[in-house]
């Protein structure tokens, strides 16, 4: 079925690599929405936060699985790579026509 908001599926993309990221993404959306309700944002803004907050980790699809799924502590180089995921996410979303 066609949706007017195809970007709503973007947060699911990292879950193909890492289930923990998928669960974290859903939690962030829920927590952000709850906080927006506590501070009494208008309902349409709170709904938008629920939909878009999970996009915060979309850049993790650009992080190698060997780093993303590594058990234990990351070394300096690995940490440097994973710290680039916000920039990767901005590039991904910046190439879309998404108005968030």
N, C-alpha and C. Protein backbone atom coordinates (compact mmCIF):
# COMPACT_ATOMS: atom_id res chain seq x y z
N UNK A 1 0.82 -1.17 0.00
CA UNK A 1 0.00 0.00 0.00
C UNK A 1 0.87 1.24 0.00
N UNK A 2 0.52 2.22 -0.78
CA UNK A 2 1.28 3.46 -0.87
C UNK A 2 1.00 4.34 0.33
N UNK A 3 2.01 4.97 0.84
CA UNK A 3 1.85 5.91 1.94
C UNK A 3 2.40 7.26 1.53
N UNK A 4 1.83 8.30 2.05
CA UNK A 4 2.32 9.64 1.78
C UNK A 4 3.56 9.96 2.59
N UNK A 5 3.91 9.07 3.50
CA UNK A 5 5.06 9.28 4.37
C UNK A 5 6.02 8.08 4.28
N UNK A 6 6.65 7.86 3.14
CA UNK A 6 7.53 6.69 3.02
C UNK A 6 8.71 6.73 3.97
N UNK A 7 9.11 7.91 4.43
CA UNK A 7 10.23 8.03 5.36
C UNK A 7 9.93 7.35 6.69
N UNK A 8 8.65 7.04 6.96
CA UNK A 8 8.31 6.38 8.21
C UNK A 8 8.93 5.00 8.30
N UNK A 9 9.36 4.45 7.16
CA UNK A 9 9.98 3.13 7.15
C UNK A 9 11.49 3.21 7.34
N UNK A 10 12.08 4.38 7.20
CA UNK A 10 13.52 4.54 7.32
C UNK A 10 14.08 4.04 8.65
N UNK A 11 13.43 4.32 9.79
CA UNK A 11 14.00 3.85 11.06
C UNK A 11 14.15 2.34 11.13
N UNK A 12 13.41 1.61 10.32
CA UNK A 12 13.50 0.16 10.34
C UNK A 12 14.76 -0.35 9.63
N UNK A 13 15.38 0.46 8.80
CA UNK A 13 16.53 0.00 8.02
C UNK A 13 17.69 -0.51 8.87
N UNK A 14 18.11 0.20 9.93
CA UNK A 14 19.22 -0.35 10.72
C UNK A 14 18.91 -1.70 11.36
N UNK A 15 17.65 -2.03 11.55
CA UNK A 15 17.30 -3.30 12.19
C UNK A 15 17.72 -4.50 11.35
N UNK A 16 17.97 -4.27 10.07
CA UNK A 16 18.44 -5.38 9.24
C UNK A 16 19.84 -5.81 9.64
N UNK A 17 20.56 -4.92 10.31
CA UNK A 17 21.90 -5.25 10.78
C UNK A 17 21.90 -5.61 12.25
N UNK A 18 21.03 -4.98 13.03
CA UNK A 18 21.18 -5.05 14.47
C UNK A 18 19.83 -4.90 15.17
N UNK A 19 19.37 -5.95 15.80
CA UNK A 19 18.08 -5.91 16.50
C UNK A 19 18.10 -4.93 17.67
N UNK A 20 19.22 -4.82 18.37
CA UNK A 20 19.30 -3.89 19.50
C UNK A 20 19.09 -2.45 19.02
N UNK A 21 19.65 -2.09 17.87
CA UNK A 21 19.43 -0.76 17.32
C UNK A 21 17.95 -0.56 17.01
N UNK A 22 17.31 -1.57 16.49
CA UNK A 22 15.88 -1.47 16.18
C UNK A 22 15.07 -1.22 17.44
N UNK A 23 15.36 -1.94 18.50
CA UNK A 23 14.64 -1.76 19.75
C UNK A 23 14.93 -0.39 20.36
N UNK A 24 16.19 0.04 20.30
CA UNK A 24 16.58 1.36 20.80
C UNK A 24 15.83 2.45 20.05
N UNK A 25 15.74 2.31 18.75
CA UNK A 25 15.06 3.28 17.91
C UNK A 25 13.59 3.42 18.30
N UNK A 26 12.94 2.31 18.55
CA UNK A 26 11.53 2.35 18.97
C UNK A 26 11.38 2.98 20.35
N UNK A 27 12.31 2.65 21.26
CA UNK A 27 12.26 3.24 22.60
C UNK A 27 12.42 4.76 22.54
N UNK A 28 13.36 5.22 21.73
CA UNK A 28 13.59 6.66 21.61
C UNK A 28 12.34 7.36 21.11
N UNK A 29 11.67 6.78 20.13
CA UNK A 29 10.43 7.37 19.63
C UNK A 29 9.38 7.46 20.72
N UNK A 30 9.23 6.37 21.47
CA UNK A 30 8.24 6.34 22.55
C UNK A 30 8.59 7.33 23.66
N UNK A 31 9.84 7.32 24.11
CA UNK A 31 10.25 8.22 25.18
C UNK A 31 10.12 9.69 24.76
N UNK A 32 10.54 9.98 23.54
CA UNK A 32 10.45 11.36 23.04
C UNK A 32 9.00 11.83 22.99
N UNK A 33 8.13 10.94 22.55
CA UNK A 33 6.71 11.28 22.49
C UNK A 33 6.15 11.53 23.90
N UNK A 34 6.50 10.66 24.83
CA UNK A 34 6.02 10.84 26.20
C UNK A 34 6.50 12.16 26.78
N UNK A 35 7.77 12.48 26.55
CA UNK A 35 8.30 13.76 27.04
C UNK A 35 7.58 14.94 26.40
N UNK A 36 7.29 14.83 25.12
CA UNK A 36 6.59 15.94 24.44
C UNK A 36 5.20 16.13 25.02
N UNK A 37 4.58 15.06 25.46
CA UNK A 37 3.26 15.17 26.08
C UNK A 37 3.38 15.78 27.49
N UNK A 38 4.43 15.41 28.21
CA UNK A 38 4.64 15.95 29.56
C UNK A 38 4.83 17.46 29.52
N UNK A 39 5.57 17.93 28.52
CA UNK A 39 5.79 19.38 28.41
C UNK A 39 4.66 20.07 27.65
N UNK A 40 3.61 19.30 27.37
CA UNK A 40 2.37 19.80 26.79
C UNK A 40 2.53 20.46 25.41
N UNK A 41 3.31 19.79 24.56
CA UNK A 41 3.36 20.23 23.17
C UNK A 41 2.02 19.97 22.52
N UNK A 42 1.71 20.73 21.49
CA UNK A 42 0.47 20.48 20.76
C UNK A 42 0.50 19.06 20.22
N UNK A 43 -0.67 18.46 20.12
CA UNK A 43 -0.76 17.04 19.75
C UNK A 43 -0.13 16.75 18.40
N UNK A 44 -0.25 17.65 17.42
CA UNK A 44 0.36 17.37 16.11
C UNK A 44 1.88 17.39 16.20
N UNK A 45 2.45 18.23 17.07
CA UNK A 45 3.90 18.24 17.25
C UNK A 45 4.36 16.97 17.97
N UNK A 46 3.60 16.55 18.97
CA UNK A 46 3.94 15.32 19.68
C UNK A 46 3.88 14.13 18.74
N UNK A 47 2.88 14.10 17.87
CA UNK A 47 2.76 13.00 16.90
C UNK A 47 3.94 13.02 15.93
N UNK A 48 4.35 14.20 15.51
CA UNK A 48 5.49 14.33 14.60
C UNK A 48 6.77 13.84 15.26
N UNK A 49 6.92 14.15 16.54
CA UNK A 49 8.09 13.67 17.28
C UNK A 49 8.09 12.15 17.35
N UNK A 50 6.94 11.56 17.61
CA UNK A 50 6.83 10.10 17.66
C UNK A 50 7.26 9.48 16.33
N UNK A 51 6.88 10.12 15.24
CA UNK A 51 7.21 9.60 13.91
C UNK A 51 8.67 9.82 13.53
N UNK A 52 9.24 10.94 13.93
CA UNK A 52 10.56 11.30 13.42
C UNK A 52 11.72 11.02 14.37
N UNK A 53 11.48 10.94 15.66
CA UNK A 53 12.57 10.68 16.61
C UNK A 53 13.37 9.43 16.27
N UNK A 54 12.72 8.36 15.80
CA UNK A 54 13.50 7.16 15.45
C UNK A 54 14.50 7.37 14.31
N UNK A 55 14.39 8.45 13.59
CA UNK A 55 15.33 8.70 12.50
C UNK A 55 16.72 9.08 13.00
N UNK A 56 16.87 9.31 14.30
CA UNK A 56 18.14 9.77 14.83
C UNK A 56 19.30 8.80 14.56
N UNK A 57 19.02 7.53 14.37
CA UNK A 57 20.09 6.55 14.14
C UNK A 57 20.13 6.01 12.71
N UNK A 58 19.46 6.65 11.80
CA UNK A 58 19.41 6.15 10.41
C UNK A 58 20.82 6.00 9.81
N UNK A 59 21.75 6.81 10.25
CA UNK A 59 23.13 6.74 9.74
C UNK A 59 23.86 5.46 10.10
N UNK A 60 23.32 4.69 11.04
CA UNK A 60 23.98 3.44 11.41
C UNK A 60 23.97 2.43 10.27
N UNK A 61 23.15 2.64 9.25
CA UNK A 61 23.20 1.72 8.12
C UNK A 61 24.52 1.86 7.36
N UNK A 62 25.25 2.95 7.61
CA UNK A 62 26.55 3.15 7.00
C UNK A 62 27.71 2.66 7.83
N UNK A 63 27.44 2.11 8.99
CA UNK A 63 28.48 1.59 9.88
C UNK A 63 28.66 0.10 9.60
N UNK A 64 29.90 -0.34 9.40
CA UNK A 64 30.13 -1.77 9.13
C UNK A 64 29.59 -2.65 10.26
N UNK A 65 29.05 -3.79 9.87
CA UNK A 65 28.49 -4.73 10.85
C UNK A 65 29.53 -5.18 11.87
N UNK A 66 30.78 -5.28 11.43
CA UNK A 66 31.83 -5.72 12.35
C UNK A 66 31.98 -4.77 13.53
N UNK A 67 31.65 -3.51 13.33
CA UNK A 67 31.70 -2.52 14.41
C UNK A 67 30.37 -2.46 15.13
N UNK A 68 29.30 -2.40 14.38
CA UNK A 68 27.97 -2.27 14.96
C UNK A 68 27.62 -3.45 15.85
N UNK A 69 28.03 -4.63 15.47
CA UNK A 69 27.68 -5.84 16.21
C UNK A 69 28.79 -6.36 17.13
N UNK A 70 29.87 -5.61 17.25
CA UNK A 70 31.00 -6.05 18.05
C UNK A 70 30.62 -6.14 19.53
N UNK A 71 30.86 -7.30 20.13
CA UNK A 71 30.62 -7.39 21.57
C UNK A 71 31.76 -6.70 22.31
N UNK A 72 31.46 -6.05 23.38
CA UNK A 72 32.51 -5.40 24.15
C UNK A 72 32.83 -4.00 23.67
N UNK A 73 33.92 -3.49 24.18
CA UNK A 73 34.33 -2.11 23.94
C UNK A 73 34.94 -1.93 22.55
N UNK A 74 34.62 -0.80 21.94
CA UNK A 74 35.21 -0.45 20.64
C UNK A 74 36.58 0.18 20.85
N UNK A 75 37.48 -0.07 19.90
CA UNK A 75 38.77 0.61 19.98
C UNK A 75 38.63 2.03 19.44
N UNK A 76 39.68 2.79 19.48
CA UNK A 76 39.65 4.21 19.10
C UNK A 76 39.18 4.39 17.65
N UNK A 77 39.70 3.59 16.74
CA UNK A 77 39.32 3.71 15.33
C UNK A 77 37.86 3.33 15.10
N UNK A 78 37.42 2.26 15.75
CA UNK A 78 36.03 1.83 15.61
C UNK A 78 35.08 2.89 16.18
N UNK A 79 35.47 3.44 17.31
CA UNK A 79 34.65 4.49 17.94
C UNK A 79 34.54 5.69 17.01
N UNK A 80 35.63 6.03 16.37
CA UNK A 80 35.65 7.16 15.43
C UNK A 80 34.67 6.92 14.28
N UNK A 81 34.61 5.69 13.80
CA UNK A 81 33.70 5.35 12.70
C UNK A 81 32.25 5.43 13.15
N UNK A 82 31.94 4.85 14.30
CA UNK A 82 30.54 4.86 14.75
C UNK A 82 30.08 6.27 15.11
N UNK A 83 30.99 7.10 15.53
CA UNK A 83 30.64 8.49 15.85
C UNK A 83 30.29 9.30 14.60
N UNK A 84 30.55 8.75 13.44
CA UNK A 84 30.20 9.43 12.19
C UNK A 84 28.76 9.14 11.76
N UNK A 85 28.05 8.26 12.48
CA UNK A 85 26.70 7.90 12.03
C UNK A 85 25.72 9.08 12.01
N UNK A 86 25.82 10.08 12.87
CA UNK A 86 24.90 11.22 12.73
C UNK A 86 25.13 11.98 11.41
N UNK A 87 26.38 12.13 11.03
CA UNK A 87 26.68 12.80 9.76
C UNK A 87 26.17 11.98 8.57
N UNK A 88 26.35 10.66 8.66
CA UNK A 88 25.85 9.79 7.59
C UNK A 88 24.33 9.90 7.50
N UNK A 89 23.66 9.94 8.65
CA UNK A 89 22.21 10.09 8.67
C UNK A 89 21.76 11.41 8.05
N UNK A 90 22.48 12.47 8.36
CA UNK A 90 22.14 13.77 7.79
C UNK A 90 22.29 13.75 6.27
N UNK A 91 23.32 13.08 5.79
CA UNK A 91 23.50 12.97 4.34
C UNK A 91 22.38 12.16 3.70
N UNK A 92 21.99 11.08 4.36
CA UNK A 92 20.90 10.25 3.83
C UNK A 92 19.62 11.06 3.76
N UNK A 93 19.25 11.69 4.86
CA UNK A 93 18.01 12.45 4.90
C UNK A 93 18.07 13.72 4.06
N UNK A 94 19.28 14.27 3.93
CA UNK A 94 19.44 15.48 3.13
C UNK A 94 19.24 15.25 1.65
N UNK A 95 19.35 14.01 1.21
CA UNK A 95 19.17 13.68 -0.21
C UNK A 95 17.74 13.26 -0.53
N UNK A 96 16.86 13.43 0.44
CA UNK A 96 15.47 13.08 0.22
C UNK A 96 14.64 14.36 0.16
N UNK A 97 13.41 14.21 -0.14
CA UNK A 97 12.50 15.35 -0.16
C UNK A 97 11.65 15.36 1.09
N UNK A 98 12.20 14.80 2.16
CA UNK A 98 11.46 14.70 3.41
C UNK A 98 11.45 16.05 4.11
N UNK A 99 10.29 16.45 4.52
CA UNK A 99 10.14 17.66 5.32
C UNK A 99 9.78 17.22 6.73
N UNK A 100 10.75 17.30 7.62
CA UNK A 100 10.53 16.84 8.99
C UNK A 100 10.21 18.02 9.88
